C-alpha atoms as a PDB file:
ATOM      1  CA  MET A   1      78.336 110.476  95.153  1.00  0.00           C
ATOM      2  CA  ILE A   2      79.752 112.982  92.673  1.00  0.00           C
ATOM      3  CA  ARG A   3      83.195 113.989  91.401  1.00  0.00           C
ATOM      4  CA  LYS A   4      84.243 117.526  90.549  1.00  0.00           C
ATOM      5  CA  ARG A   5      87.264 118.983  88.815  1.00  0.00           C
ATOM      6  CA  ILE A   6      87.911 122.438  90.247  1.00  0.00           C
ATOM      7  CA  ARG A   7      90.513 125.024  89.245  1.00  0.00           C
ATOM      8  CA  PHE A   8      91.073 127.553  92.036  1.00  0.00           C
ATOM      9  CA  CYS A   9      92.392 131.016  91.176  1.00  0.00           C
ATOM     10  CA  GLY A  10      93.659 133.718  93.510  1.00  0.00           C
ATOM     11  CA  GLN A  11      96.162 133.524  96.333  1.00  0.00           C
ATOM     12  CA  VAL A  12      96.198 129.730  96.400  1.00  0.00           C
ATOM     13  CA  GLN A  13      99.861 128.703  96.152  1.00  0.00           C
ATOM     14  CA  GLY A  14     102.361 128.975  98.989  1.00  0.00           C
ATOM     15  CA  VAL A  15      99.620 129.475 101.600  1.00  0.00           C
ATOM     16  CA  GLY A  16      98.954 125.929 102.849  1.00  0.00           C
ATOM     17  CA  PHE A  17      96.100 125.344 100.414  1.00  0.00           C
ATOM     18  CA  ARG A  18      96.989 121.744  99.498  1.00  0.00           C
ATOM     19  CA  TRP A  19      97.699 120.757 103.107  1.00  0.00           C
ATOM     20  CA  ARG A  20      94.384 122.216 104.234  1.00  0.00           C
ATOM     21  CA  ALA A  21      92.577 120.528 101.320  1.00  0.00           C
ATOM     22  CA  SER A  22      94.051 117.131 102.249  1.00  0.00           C
ATOM     23  CA  ARG A  23      93.077 117.432 105.914  1.00  0.00           C
ATOM     24  CA  ALA A  24      89.563 118.661 105.120  1.00  0.00           C
ATOM     25  CA  ALA A  25      89.000 115.930 102.508  1.00  0.00           C
ATOM     26  CA  GLU A  26      90.027 113.288 105.034  1.00  0.00           C
ATOM     27  CA  SER A  27      87.708 114.806 107.654  1.00  0.00           C
ATOM     28  CA  TYR A  28      84.722 114.814 105.324  1.00  0.00           C
ATOM     29  CA  ARG A  29      85.545 111.428 103.754  1.00  0.00           C
ATOM     30  CA  CYS A  30      86.234 112.730 100.261  1.00  0.00           C
ATOM     31  CA  THR A  31      88.727 111.236  97.844  1.00  0.00           C
ATOM     32  CA  GLY A  32      90.763 112.696  95.006  1.00  0.00           C
ATOM     33  CA  TRP A  33      93.830 114.880  94.633  1.00  0.00           C
ATOM     34  CA  CYS A  34      95.072 118.442  94.251  1.00  0.00           C
ATOM     35  CA  LYS A  35      98.201 119.976  92.771  1.00  0.00           C
ATOM     36  CA  ASN A  36      99.775 123.324  91.996  1.00  0.00           C
ATOM     37  CA  GLU A  37      99.758 124.330  88.346  1.00  0.00           C
ATOM     38  CA  TRP A  38     102.430 126.329  86.510  1.00  0.00           C
ATOM     39  CA  ASP A  39     100.073 129.318  86.081  1.00  0.00           C
ATOM     40  CA  GLY A  40      99.595 129.896  89.836  1.00  0.00           C
ATOM     41  CA  THR A  41      96.284 128.054  90.127  1.00  0.00           C
ATOM     42  CA  VAL A  42      95.499 124.879  92.063  1.00  0.00           C
ATOM     43  CA  LEU A  43      93.763 122.020  90.263  1.00  0.00           C
ATOM     44  CA  MET A  44      91.670 119.593  92.295  1.00  0.00           C
ATOM     45  CA  GLU A  45      89.579 116.531  91.604  1.00  0.00           C
ATOM     46  CA  ILE A  46      87.395 115.687  94.563  1.00  0.00           C
ATOM     47  CA  GLN A  47      84.810 112.974  95.041  1.00  0.00           C
ATOM     48  CA  GLY A  48      82.179 112.496  97.724  1.00  0.00           C
ATOM     49  CA  GLU A  49      78.759 113.664  98.773  1.00  0.00           C
ATOM     50  CA  GLU A  50      78.051 117.154  97.425  1.00  0.00           C
ATOM     51  CA  SER A  51      77.566 118.574 100.936  1.00  0.00           C
ATOM     52  CA  ALA A  52      80.942 117.119 102.000  1.00  0.00           C
ATOM     53  CA  ILE A  53      82.672 118.670  98.984  1.00  0.00           C
ATOM     54  CA  ASP A  54      81.089 122.019  99.875  1.00  0.00           C
ATOM     55  CA  ARG A  55      82.447 121.701 103.432  1.00  0.00           C
ATOM     56  CA  VAL A  56      85.932 120.918 102.137  1.00  0.00           C
ATOM     57  CA  ILE A  57      85.879 124.082 100.039  1.00  0.00           C
ATOM     58  CA  GLU A  58      84.582 126.118 103.002  1.00  0.00           C
ATOM     59  CA  SER A  59      87.435 124.743 105.143  1.00  0.00           C
ATOM     60  CA  ILE A  60      89.999 125.727 102.522  1.00  0.00           C
ATOM     61  CA  GLU A  61      88.527 129.232 102.205  1.00  0.00           C
ATOM     62  CA  ALA A  62      88.676 129.662 105.986  1.00  0.00           C
ATOM     63  CA  GLY A  63      92.448 129.158 105.818  1.00  0.00           C
ATOM     64  CA  ARG A  64      94.710 131.975 106.773  1.00  0.00           C
ATOM     65  CA  TYR A  65      96.234 133.715 103.736  1.00  0.00           C
ATOM     66  CA  VAL A  66      94.084 131.751 101.264  1.00  0.00           C
ATOM     67  CA  GLU A  67      92.071 134.004  98.961  1.00  0.00           C
ATOM     68  CA  ILE A  68      90.038 132.265  96.273  1.00  0.00           C
ATOM     69  CA  THR A  69      88.943 134.772  93.644  1.00  0.00           C
ATOM     70  CA  LYS A  70      87.501 132.343  91.103  1.00  0.00           C
ATOM     71  CA  MET A  71      86.612 128.661  90.816  1.00  0.00           C
ATOM     72  CA  ASP A  72      86.084 126.846  87.519  1.00  0.00           C
ATOM     73  CA  VAL A  73      83.982 123.794  88.437  1.00  0.00           C
ATOM     74  CA  ARG A  74      83.015 120.839  86.257  1.00  0.00           C
ATOM     75  CA  THR A  75      81.251 117.622  87.213  1.00  0.00           C
ATOM     76  CA  ILE A  76      83.155 114.607  85.890  1.00  0.00           C
ATOM     77  CA  PRO A  77      82.684 110.808  86.093  1.00  0.00           C
ATOM     78  CA  VAL A  78      83.132 109.137  89.487  1.00  0.00           C
ATOM     79  CA  ILE A  79      86.162 106.863  89.982  1.00  0.00           C
ATOM     80  CA  GLU A  80      84.685 103.830  91.705  1.00  0.00           C
ATOM     81  CA  ASP A  81      87.774 102.344  93.349  1.00  0.00           C
ATOM     82  CA  GLU A  82      89.403 105.542  94.638  1.00  0.00           C
ATOM     83  CA  ARG A  83      90.066 105.348  98.385  1.00  0.00           C
ATOM     84  CA  SER A  84      92.061 108.416  99.461  1.00  0.00           C
ATOM     85  CA  PHE A  85      92.888 112.069  98.860  1.00  0.00           C
ATOM     86  CA  TYR A  86      96.441 113.227  98.200  1.00  0.00           C
ATOM     87  CA  ALA A  87      98.262 116.431  97.366  1.00  0.00           C
ATOM     88  CA  GLU A  88     101.043 116.479  94.806  1.00  0.00           C
END
């Protein structure tokens, strides 16, 4: 179990990114959150098995109109009692 904080750059706002992230996270049993930032990026904290997190990101990238040009990824401490994924 790991937790990552990821900042997504590119065409990531107004294209269904957060909706797709929420659905994919639920499918792959990941927890965390994502939100739009003022600078046009999307910030996400996601927790789960590394392979599941990779699949969530692949699902987001497969989305129509989504174009991720850069990801800033950091591993951060796991939140033990987190039970869901939500989009702000």
